[in-house]
């Protein structure tokens, strides 16, 4: 049995998901927990980062994942400030992985979506629908950020273990 923690970084909302993997095929997967970390809107940057750090640390201590999968930083020329802010969040997440002695893997969102949906250009909504169907949970119960975190965990499994029969 292996547990994987997927993390979709964001300063306003950080999605996370813990997936348990046992064996191969879609029956070997269990969604242990998925949710979002949402610092208060009026909090300053250090307080927001602190909330993300401690919440992820609690998730790791409670569920003991062996790997944390983090979405790589995507930079768009139209939003240069976003890269800087996300860099802070990603730095805190990397720090959590070091402090908790958990392996860190990083993948681009396009690579994850291509491995799961067959095309890297799929959107957040389509990813959410596929992930919800895979775990047989109502789509409306999943936030976009949590579903992206779940997709990171599933994509990691798919790419690193070559899980055959993992029909999404």
N, C-alpha and C. Protein backbone atom coordinates (compact mmCIF):
# COMPACT_ATOMS: atom_id res chain seq x y z
N UNK A 1 0.85 -1.18 0.00
CA UNK A 1 0.00 0.00 0.00
C UNK A 1 0.89 1.24 0.00
N UNK A 2 0.49 2.21 -0.79
CA UNK A 2 1.23 3.47 -0.89
C UNK A 2 0.22 4.61 -0.84
N UNK A 3 0.60 5.67 -0.19
CA UNK A 3 -0.24 6.88 -0.16
C UNK A 3 0.48 8.01 -0.85
N UNK A 4 -0.28 8.73 -1.66
CA UNK A 4 0.24 9.85 -2.43
C UNK A 4 -0.56 11.09 -2.09
N UNK A 5 0.14 12.19 -1.87
CA UNK A 5 -0.49 13.48 -1.60
C UNK A 5 -0.30 14.37 -2.82
N UNK A 6 -1.39 14.73 -3.47
CA UNK A 6 -1.34 15.66 -4.59
C UNK A 6 -1.63 17.06 -4.08
N UNK A 7 -0.87 18.06 -4.56
CA UNK A 7 -1.06 19.43 -4.11
C UNK A 7 -1.11 20.39 -5.31
N UNK A 8 -2.22 21.10 -5.41
CA UNK A 8 -2.42 22.13 -6.44
C UNK A 8 -2.23 23.48 -5.76
N UNK A 9 -1.05 24.12 -5.92
CA UNK A 9 -0.75 25.33 -5.15
C UNK A 9 -1.51 26.56 -5.59
N UNK A 10 -1.87 27.37 -4.62
CA UNK A 10 -2.51 28.65 -4.88
C UNK A 10 -2.51 29.47 -3.61
N UNK A 11 -2.39 30.79 -3.73
CA UNK A 11 -2.38 31.64 -2.54
C UNK A 11 -3.79 31.81 -1.97
N UNK A 12 -4.78 31.88 -2.85
CA UNK A 12 -6.17 31.99 -2.39
C UNK A 12 -6.72 30.64 -2.01
N UNK A 13 -6.44 29.62 -2.84
CA UNK A 13 -6.92 28.26 -2.60
C UNK A 13 -5.84 27.28 -3.00
N UNK A 14 -5.45 26.42 -2.08
CA UNK A 14 -4.53 25.32 -2.37
C UNK A 14 -5.31 24.03 -2.24
N UNK A 15 -5.41 23.30 -3.34
CA UNK A 15 -6.10 22.03 -3.30
C UNK A 15 -5.15 20.92 -2.88
N UNK A 16 -5.68 19.92 -2.18
CA UNK A 16 -4.86 18.78 -1.79
C UNK A 16 -5.73 17.51 -1.82
N UNK A 17 -5.06 16.38 -1.99
CA UNK A 17 -5.77 15.10 -2.01
C UNK A 17 -4.81 13.99 -1.62
N UNK A 18 -5.30 13.08 -0.80
CA UNK A 18 -4.53 11.90 -0.42
C UNK A 18 -5.19 10.70 -1.08
N UNK A 19 -4.39 9.96 -1.85
CA UNK A 19 -4.87 8.78 -2.56
C UNK A 19 -4.09 7.58 -2.05
N UNK A 20 -4.82 6.51 -1.79
CA UNK A 20 -4.19 5.26 -1.37
C UNK A 20 -4.17 4.32 -2.57
N UNK A 21 -3.01 3.72 -2.81
CA UNK A 21 -2.85 2.84 -3.96
C UNK A 21 -2.46 1.46 -3.46
N UNK A 22 -3.20 0.47 -3.91
CA UNK A 22 -2.88 -0.90 -3.56
C UNK A 22 -3.16 -1.75 -4.80
N UNK A 23 -2.13 -2.39 -5.32
CA UNK A 23 -2.31 -3.19 -6.52
C UNK A 23 -2.38 -2.32 -7.75
N UNK A 24 -3.05 -2.84 -8.78
CA UNK A 24 -3.17 -2.10 -10.03
C UNK A 24 -4.62 -2.09 -10.49
N UNK A 25 -4.90 -1.27 -11.48
CA UNK A 25 -6.27 -1.13 -11.97
C UNK A 25 -7.03 -0.14 -11.13
N UNK A 26 -8.21 0.25 -11.59
CA UNK A 26 -8.98 1.29 -10.91
C UNK A 26 -9.49 0.84 -9.54
N UNK A 27 -9.59 -0.45 -9.31
CA UNK A 27 -10.06 -0.93 -8.00
C UNK A 27 -9.00 -0.78 -6.92
N UNK A 28 -7.76 -0.57 -7.33
CA UNK A 28 -6.67 -0.44 -6.37
C UNK A 28 -6.49 0.96 -5.82
N UNK A 29 -7.42 1.86 -6.12
CA UNK A 29 -7.31 3.25 -5.68
C UNK A 29 -8.41 3.61 -4.70
N UNK A 30 -8.03 4.37 -3.69
CA UNK A 30 -9.02 4.86 -2.73
C UNK A 30 -8.71 6.32 -2.45
N UNK A 31 -9.73 7.16 -2.55
CA UNK A 31 -9.57 8.56 -2.20
C UNK A 31 -9.74 8.67 -0.69
N UNK A 32 -8.66 8.97 0.01
CA UNK A 32 -8.67 9.03 1.46
C UNK A 32 -9.23 10.37 1.94
N UNK A 33 -8.74 11.45 1.35
CA UNK A 33 -9.19 12.79 1.72
C UNK A 33 -8.87 13.75 0.60
N UNK A 34 -9.75 14.70 0.38
CA UNK A 34 -9.50 15.76 -0.59
C UNK A 34 -10.15 17.03 -0.06
N UNK A 35 -9.48 18.13 -0.30
CA UNK A 35 -10.05 19.38 0.17
C UNK A 35 -9.24 20.58 -0.28
N UNK A 36 -9.53 21.70 0.34
CA UNK A 36 -8.87 22.96 -0.02
C UNK A 36 -8.42 23.69 1.24
N UNK A 37 -7.31 24.35 1.12
CA UNK A 37 -6.81 25.23 2.17
C UNK A 37 -7.09 26.64 1.67
N UNK A 38 -7.90 27.38 2.42
CA UNK A 38 -8.28 28.73 2.01
C UNK A 38 -7.95 29.73 3.12
N UNK A 39 -6.77 30.33 3.04
CA UNK A 39 -6.44 31.36 4.02
C UNK A 39 -7.44 32.51 3.95
N UNK A 40 -7.59 33.22 5.04
CA UNK A 40 -8.51 34.36 5.06
C UNK A 40 -8.08 35.39 4.03
N UNK A 41 -9.06 35.96 3.35
CA UNK A 41 -8.79 36.93 2.28
C UNK A 41 -8.07 38.16 2.78
N UNK A 42 -8.32 38.55 4.03
CA UNK A 42 -7.69 39.76 4.55
C UNK A 42 -6.34 39.49 5.22
N UNK A 43 -5.88 38.24 5.19
CA UNK A 43 -4.57 37.90 5.77
C UNK A 43 -3.46 38.39 4.86
N UNK A 44 -2.34 38.75 5.48
CA UNK A 44 -1.20 39.15 4.66
C UNK A 44 -0.45 37.90 4.19
N UNK A 45 0.52 38.09 3.31
CA UNK A 45 1.23 36.98 2.69
C UNK A 45 1.83 35.99 3.70
N UNK A 46 2.57 36.45 4.69
CA UNK A 46 3.14 35.49 5.64
C UNK A 46 2.08 34.65 6.37
N UNK A 47 0.96 35.25 6.72
CA UNK A 47 -0.11 34.50 7.39
C UNK A 47 -0.73 33.46 6.46
N UNK A 48 -0.91 33.81 5.21
CA UNK A 48 -1.47 32.86 4.24
C UNK A 48 -0.52 31.67 4.07
N UNK A 49 0.77 31.97 3.91
CA UNK A 49 1.76 30.90 3.73
C UNK A 49 1.83 30.02 4.97
N UNK A 50 1.72 30.63 6.13
CA UNK A 50 1.73 29.88 7.39
C UNK A 50 0.56 28.90 7.45
N UNK A 51 -0.62 29.34 7.06
CA UNK A 51 -1.80 28.47 7.07
C UNK A 51 -1.60 27.29 6.13
N UNK A 52 -1.09 27.53 4.93
CA UNK A 52 -0.85 26.46 3.97
C UNK A 52 0.17 25.47 4.54
N UNK A 53 1.25 25.99 5.10
CA UNK A 53 2.30 25.14 5.66
C UNK A 53 1.73 24.21 6.74
N UNK A 54 1.06 24.79 7.72
CA UNK A 54 0.61 23.99 8.85
C UNK A 54 -0.52 23.03 8.49
N UNK A 55 -1.39 23.43 7.57
CA UNK A 55 -2.47 22.52 7.16
C UNK A 55 -1.89 21.31 6.42
N UNK A 56 -0.96 21.54 5.50
CA UNK A 56 -0.35 20.43 4.79
C UNK A 56 0.44 19.53 5.73
N UNK A 57 1.11 20.14 6.67
CA UNK A 57 1.87 19.36 7.66
C UNK A 57 0.93 18.44 8.45
N UNK A 58 -0.24 18.95 8.84
CA UNK A 58 -1.22 18.13 9.55
C UNK A 58 -1.73 16.98 8.68
N UNK A 59 -1.99 17.26 7.41
CA UNK A 59 -2.45 16.21 6.49
C UNK A 59 -1.39 15.12 6.38
N UNK A 60 -0.13 15.51 6.27
CA UNK A 60 0.96 14.54 6.15
C UNK A 60 1.09 13.73 7.43
N UNK A 61 1.02 14.39 8.58
CA UNK A 61 1.13 13.66 9.85
C UNK A 61 -0.02 12.70 10.06
N UNK A 62 -1.20 13.08 9.63
CA UNK A 62 -2.38 12.23 9.81
C UNK A 62 -2.38 11.04 8.86
N UNK A 63 -2.02 11.25 7.59
CA UNK A 63 -2.18 10.21 6.57
C UNK A 63 -0.89 9.52 6.14
N UNK A 64 0.25 10.07 6.52
CA UNK A 64 1.55 9.46 6.26
C UNK A 64 1.79 9.07 4.79
N UNK A 65 1.62 10.00 3.84
CA UNK A 65 1.91 9.67 2.44
C UNK A 65 3.41 9.48 2.24
N UNK A 66 3.75 8.68 1.24
CA UNK A 66 5.17 8.46 0.93
C UNK A 66 5.68 9.47 -0.10
N UNK A 67 4.77 10.04 -0.88
CA UNK A 67 5.15 10.96 -1.95
C UNK A 67 4.19 12.15 -1.96
N UNK A 68 4.75 13.33 -2.21
CA UNK A 68 3.93 14.52 -2.45
C UNK A 68 4.15 14.92 -3.90
N UNK A 69 3.05 15.08 -4.64
CA UNK A 69 3.13 15.47 -6.03
C UNK A 69 2.65 16.91 -6.14
N UNK A 70 3.52 17.77 -6.63
CA UNK A 70 3.26 19.20 -6.69
C UNK A 70 3.18 19.64 -8.14
N UNK A 71 2.20 20.47 -8.42
CA UNK A 71 2.06 21.01 -9.78
C UNK A 71 3.20 21.99 -10.04
N UNK A 72 3.87 21.80 -11.18
CA UNK A 72 4.96 22.71 -11.57
C UNK A 72 4.41 24.10 -11.82
N UNK A 73 5.28 25.06 -11.67
CA UNK A 73 4.92 26.45 -11.88
C UNK A 73 4.70 26.72 -13.36
N UNK A 74 3.56 27.32 -13.66
CA UNK A 74 3.24 27.70 -15.03
C UNK A 74 3.31 29.22 -15.10
N UNK A 75 4.15 29.72 -15.98
CA UNK A 75 4.31 31.16 -16.12
C UNK A 75 3.66 31.63 -17.42
N UNK A 76 2.84 32.65 -17.30
CA UNK A 76 2.21 33.24 -18.48
C UNK A 76 2.62 34.70 -18.55
N UNK A 77 3.01 35.13 -19.73
CA UNK A 77 3.52 36.50 -19.89
C UNK A 77 2.49 37.58 -19.54
N UNK A 78 1.22 37.23 -19.58
CA UNK A 78 0.18 38.22 -19.25
C UNK A 78 0.01 38.43 -17.74
N UNK A 79 0.52 37.48 -16.96
CA UNK A 79 0.32 37.54 -15.50
C UNK A 79 1.65 37.32 -14.76
N UNK A 80 2.60 38.22 -14.92
CA UNK A 80 3.92 38.00 -14.30
C UNK A 80 3.88 38.00 -12.77
N UNK A 81 2.99 38.73 -12.16
CA UNK A 81 2.92 38.77 -10.69
C UNK A 81 2.46 37.43 -10.12
N UNK A 82 1.65 36.72 -10.88
CA UNK A 82 1.15 35.42 -10.43
C UNK A 82 2.30 34.45 -10.20
N UNK A 83 3.30 34.49 -11.05
CA UNK A 83 4.45 33.60 -10.93
C UNK A 83 5.16 33.84 -9.61
N UNK A 84 5.34 35.09 -9.27
CA UNK A 84 6.02 35.43 -8.02
C UNK A 84 5.24 34.92 -6.81
N UNK A 85 3.95 35.16 -6.79
CA UNK A 85 3.11 34.73 -5.66
C UNK A 85 3.09 33.21 -5.57
N UNK A 86 2.91 32.53 -6.69
CA UNK A 86 2.90 31.07 -6.68
C UNK A 86 4.26 30.52 -6.28
N UNK A 87 5.31 31.24 -6.60
CA UNK A 87 6.65 30.82 -6.17
C UNK A 87 6.76 30.76 -4.66
N UNK A 88 6.14 31.72 -3.98
CA UNK A 88 6.13 31.71 -2.50
C UNK A 88 5.39 30.48 -1.98
N UNK A 89 4.23 30.21 -2.55
CA UNK A 89 3.41 29.08 -2.11
C UNK A 89 4.15 27.78 -2.36
N UNK A 90 4.72 27.64 -3.55
CA UNK A 90 5.45 26.42 -3.87
C UNK A 90 6.66 26.24 -2.96
N UNK A 91 7.32 27.34 -2.61
CA UNK A 91 8.46 27.26 -1.70
C UNK A 91 8.06 26.71 -0.34
N UNK A 92 6.93 27.16 0.16
CA UNK A 92 6.42 26.67 1.44
C UNK A 92 6.07 25.18 1.35
N UNK A 93 5.47 24.79 0.24
CA UNK A 93 5.11 23.38 0.05
C UNK A 93 6.37 22.51 -0.02
N UNK A 94 7.39 22.99 -0.70
CA UNK A 94 8.67 22.26 -0.75
C UNK A 94 9.28 22.15 0.64
N UNK A 95 9.16 23.21 1.43
CA UNK A 95 9.67 23.20 2.79
C UNK A 95 8.94 22.16 3.64
N UNK A 96 7.64 22.05 3.48
CA UNK A 96 6.87 21.03 4.20
C UNK A 96 7.39 19.64 3.85
N UNK A 97 7.65 19.41 2.58
CA UNK A 97 8.13 18.07 2.18
C UNK A 97 9.48 17.74 2.82
N UNK A 98 10.35 18.73 2.91
CA UNK A 98 11.66 18.51 3.54
C UNK A 98 11.49 18.27 5.04
N UNK A 99 10.71 19.10 5.70
CA UNK A 99 10.52 18.97 7.15
C UNK A 99 9.84 17.66 7.52
N UNK A 100 8.95 17.17 6.67
CA UNK A 100 8.23 15.93 6.94
C UNK A 100 8.93 14.72 6.33
N UNK A 101 10.06 14.96 5.69
CA UNK A 101 10.85 13.90 5.06
C UNK A 101 10.02 13.04 4.11
N UNK A 102 9.35 13.72 3.19
CA UNK A 102 8.52 13.07 2.20
C UNK A 102 9.06 13.39 0.81
N UNK A 103 9.12 12.40 -0.04
CA UNK A 103 9.62 12.58 -1.40
C UNK A 103 8.72 13.58 -2.13
N UNK A 104 9.34 14.45 -2.93
CA UNK A 104 8.60 15.45 -3.71
C UNK A 104 8.78 15.17 -5.19
N UNK A 105 7.67 15.08 -5.91
CA UNK A 105 7.68 14.93 -7.36
C UNK A 105 6.93 16.11 -7.95
N UNK A 106 7.41 16.62 -9.08
CA UNK A 106 6.76 17.77 -9.72
C UNK A 106 6.42 17.44 -11.17
N UNK A 107 5.20 17.80 -11.56
CA UNK A 107 4.74 17.57 -12.93
C UNK A 107 3.96 18.79 -13.39
N UNK A 108 4.05 19.04 -14.70
CA UNK A 108 3.26 20.13 -15.26
C UNK A 108 1.80 19.68 -15.36
N UNK A 109 0.90 20.62 -15.31
CA UNK A 109 -0.52 20.31 -15.42
C UNK A 109 -0.82 19.68 -16.77
N UNK A 110 -0.13 20.12 -17.81
CA UNK A 110 -0.35 19.54 -19.15
C UNK A 110 0.05 18.07 -19.18
N UNK A 111 1.15 17.75 -18.56
CA UNK A 111 1.62 16.35 -18.55
C UNK A 111 0.65 15.46 -17.76
N UNK A 112 0.18 15.95 -16.64
CA UNK A 112 -0.78 15.19 -15.83
C UNK A 112 -2.06 14.96 -16.63
N UNK A 113 -2.59 16.02 -17.20
CA UNK A 113 -3.85 15.89 -17.95
C UNK A 113 -3.69 15.00 -19.18
N UNK A 114 -2.54 15.07 -19.82
CA UNK A 114 -2.32 14.19 -20.97
C UNK A 114 -2.29 12.74 -20.53
N UNK A 115 -1.66 12.44 -19.41
CA UNK A 115 -1.58 11.06 -18.95
C UNK A 115 -2.94 10.51 -18.55
N UNK A 116 -3.81 11.37 -18.04
CA UNK A 116 -5.12 10.90 -17.56
C UNK A 116 -6.23 11.03 -18.59
N UNK A 117 -6.22 12.12 -19.35
CA UNK A 117 -7.32 12.39 -20.26
C UNK A 117 -6.95 12.23 -21.73
N UNK A 118 -5.67 12.00 -21.99
CA UNK A 118 -5.24 11.81 -23.37
C UNK A 118 -4.86 13.08 -24.09
N UNK A 119 -5.14 14.23 -23.47
CA UNK A 119 -4.77 15.50 -24.09
C UNK A 119 -4.42 16.52 -23.00
N UNK A 120 -3.27 17.16 -23.18
CA UNK A 120 -2.79 18.11 -22.19
C UNK A 120 -3.58 19.40 -22.12
N UNK A 121 -4.33 19.70 -23.17
CA UNK A 121 -5.08 20.95 -23.22
C UNK A 121 -6.45 20.89 -22.56
N UNK A 122 -6.77 19.77 -21.93
CA UNK A 122 -8.06 19.65 -21.25
C UNK A 122 -8.16 20.70 -20.15
N UNK A 123 -9.37 21.14 -19.87
CA UNK A 123 -9.56 22.17 -18.86
C UNK A 123 -9.82 21.62 -17.48
N UNK A 124 -9.89 22.54 -16.51
CA UNK A 124 -10.14 22.16 -15.12
C UNK A 124 -11.48 21.45 -14.96
N UNK A 125 -12.50 21.93 -15.65
CA UNK A 125 -13.83 21.33 -15.53
C UNK A 125 -13.84 19.89 -16.03
N UNK A 126 -13.21 19.65 -17.16
CA UNK A 126 -13.15 18.30 -17.72
C UNK A 126 -12.36 17.38 -16.79
N UNK A 127 -11.28 17.88 -16.21
CA UNK A 127 -10.49 17.11 -15.26
C UNK A 127 -11.35 16.74 -14.06
N UNK A 128 -12.11 17.69 -13.56
CA UNK A 128 -12.98 17.44 -12.41
C UNK A 128 -14.01 16.34 -12.72
N UNK A 129 -14.59 16.40 -13.90
CA UNK A 129 -15.60 15.40 -14.28
C UNK A 129 -14.99 14.00 -14.36
N UNK A 130 -13.80 13.90 -14.94
CA UNK A 130 -13.14 12.60 -15.08
C UNK A 130 -12.75 12.04 -13.72
N UNK A 131 -12.19 12.88 -12.87
CA UNK A 131 -11.78 12.45 -11.53
C UNK A 131 -13.00 12.02 -10.71
N UNK A 132 -14.07 12.78 -10.78
CA UNK A 132 -15.30 12.44 -10.04
C UNK A 132 -15.86 11.11 -10.52
N UNK A 133 -15.85 10.90 -11.81
CA UNK A 133 -16.35 9.63 -12.36
C UNK A 133 -15.47 8.47 -11.92
N UNK A 134 -14.16 8.67 -11.92
CA UNK A 134 -13.21 7.61 -11.53
C UNK A 134 -13.47 7.15 -10.09
N UNK A 135 -13.70 8.11 -9.19
CA UNK A 135 -13.93 7.76 -7.78
C UNK A 135 -15.42 7.63 -7.42
N UNK A 136 -16.28 7.76 -8.45
CA UNK A 136 -17.72 7.61 -8.26
C UNK A 136 -18.26 8.55 -7.16
N UNK A 137 -17.89 9.82 -7.31
CA UNK A 137 -18.42 10.83 -6.40
C UNK A 137 -19.09 11.93 -7.22
N UNK A 138 -20.11 12.57 -6.67
CA UNK A 138 -20.80 13.63 -7.42
C UNK A 138 -19.84 14.78 -7.76
N UNK A 139 -19.90 15.25 -8.99
CA UNK A 139 -19.03 16.33 -9.46
C UNK A 139 -19.15 17.57 -8.58
N UNK A 140 -20.36 17.90 -8.17
CA UNK A 140 -20.57 19.12 -7.39
C UNK A 140 -19.92 19.07 -6.00
N UNK A 141 -19.50 17.90 -5.56
CA UNK A 141 -18.83 17.78 -4.26
C UNK A 141 -17.34 18.07 -4.35
N UNK A 142 -16.83 18.20 -5.57
CA UNK A 142 -15.41 18.46 -5.78
C UNK A 142 -15.17 19.89 -6.23
N UNK A 143 -14.27 20.57 -5.58
CA UNK A 143 -13.86 21.88 -6.08
C UNK A 143 -12.86 21.65 -7.21
N UNK A 144 -12.66 22.64 -8.02
CA UNK A 144 -11.69 22.52 -9.11
C UNK A 144 -10.28 22.30 -8.58
N UNK A 145 -9.96 22.96 -7.48
CA UNK A 145 -8.61 22.84 -6.91
C UNK A 145 -8.38 21.45 -6.31
N UNK A 146 -9.37 20.91 -5.61
CA UNK A 146 -9.24 19.57 -5.05
C UNK A 146 -9.16 18.53 -6.17
N UNK A 147 -9.96 18.71 -7.22
CA UNK A 147 -9.92 17.73 -8.33
C UNK A 147 -8.58 17.78 -9.05
N UNK A 148 -7.98 18.95 -9.16
CA UNK A 148 -6.64 19.04 -9.76
C UNK A 148 -5.61 18.31 -8.88
N UNK A 149 -5.76 18.42 -7.57
CA UNK A 149 -4.86 17.72 -6.65
C UNK A 149 -5.02 16.20 -6.79
N UNK A 150 -6.26 15.75 -6.93
CA UNK A 150 -6.53 14.32 -7.13
C UNK A 150 -5.89 13.87 -8.44
N UNK A 151 -6.05 14.68 -9.48
CA UNK A 151 -5.47 14.36 -10.78
C UNK A 151 -3.95 14.25 -10.70
N UNK A 152 -3.32 15.11 -9.91
CA UNK A 152 -1.87 15.03 -9.73
C UNK A 152 -1.47 13.68 -9.15
N UNK A 153 -2.19 13.24 -8.13
CA UNK A 153 -1.90 11.94 -7.51
C UNK A 153 -2.12 10.79 -8.48
N UNK A 154 -3.24 10.81 -9.18
CA UNK A 154 -3.53 9.75 -10.15
C UNK A 154 -2.53 9.76 -11.31
N UNK A 155 -2.22 10.95 -11.80
CA UNK A 155 -1.27 11.06 -12.89
C UNK A 155 0.10 10.54 -12.50
N UNK A 156 0.51 10.84 -11.29
CA UNK A 156 1.79 10.32 -10.78
C UNK A 156 1.79 8.80 -10.79
N UNK A 157 0.71 8.20 -10.31
CA UNK A 157 0.60 6.74 -10.31
C UNK A 157 0.66 6.19 -11.72
N UNK A 158 -0.07 6.81 -12.60
CA UNK A 158 -0.14 6.35 -13.98
C UNK A 158 1.22 6.42 -14.66
N UNK A 159 1.96 7.49 -14.42
CA UNK A 159 3.23 7.68 -15.10
C UNK A 159 4.38 6.90 -14.46
N UNK A 160 4.35 6.72 -13.16
CA UNK A 160 5.48 6.07 -12.49
C UNK A 160 5.31 4.57 -12.36
N UNK A 161 4.11 4.10 -12.32
CA UNK A 161 3.89 2.67 -12.15
C UNK A 161 3.32 2.01 -13.39
N UNK A 162 3.00 2.81 -14.39
CA UNK A 162 2.45 2.26 -15.62
C UNK A 162 1.21 1.44 -15.36
N UNK A 163 0.32 1.95 -14.54
CA UNK A 163 -0.85 1.19 -14.13
C UNK A 163 -1.77 0.91 -15.31
N UNK A 164 -1.80 -0.32 -15.70
CA UNK A 164 -2.67 -0.73 -16.80
C UNK A 164 -4.05 -0.99 -16.25
N UNK A 165 -5.03 -0.78 -17.05
CA UNK A 165 -6.40 -1.02 -16.61
C UNK A 165 -6.95 0.12 -15.79
N UNK A 166 -6.24 1.24 -15.75
CA UNK A 166 -6.69 2.40 -15.00
C UNK A 166 -7.54 3.27 -15.91
N UNK A 167 -8.67 2.72 -16.30
CA UNK A 167 -9.50 3.46 -17.26
C UNK A 167 -10.18 4.64 -16.59
N UNK A 168 -9.95 5.80 -17.16
CA UNK A 168 -10.60 7.00 -16.67
C UNK A 168 -11.63 7.37 -17.68
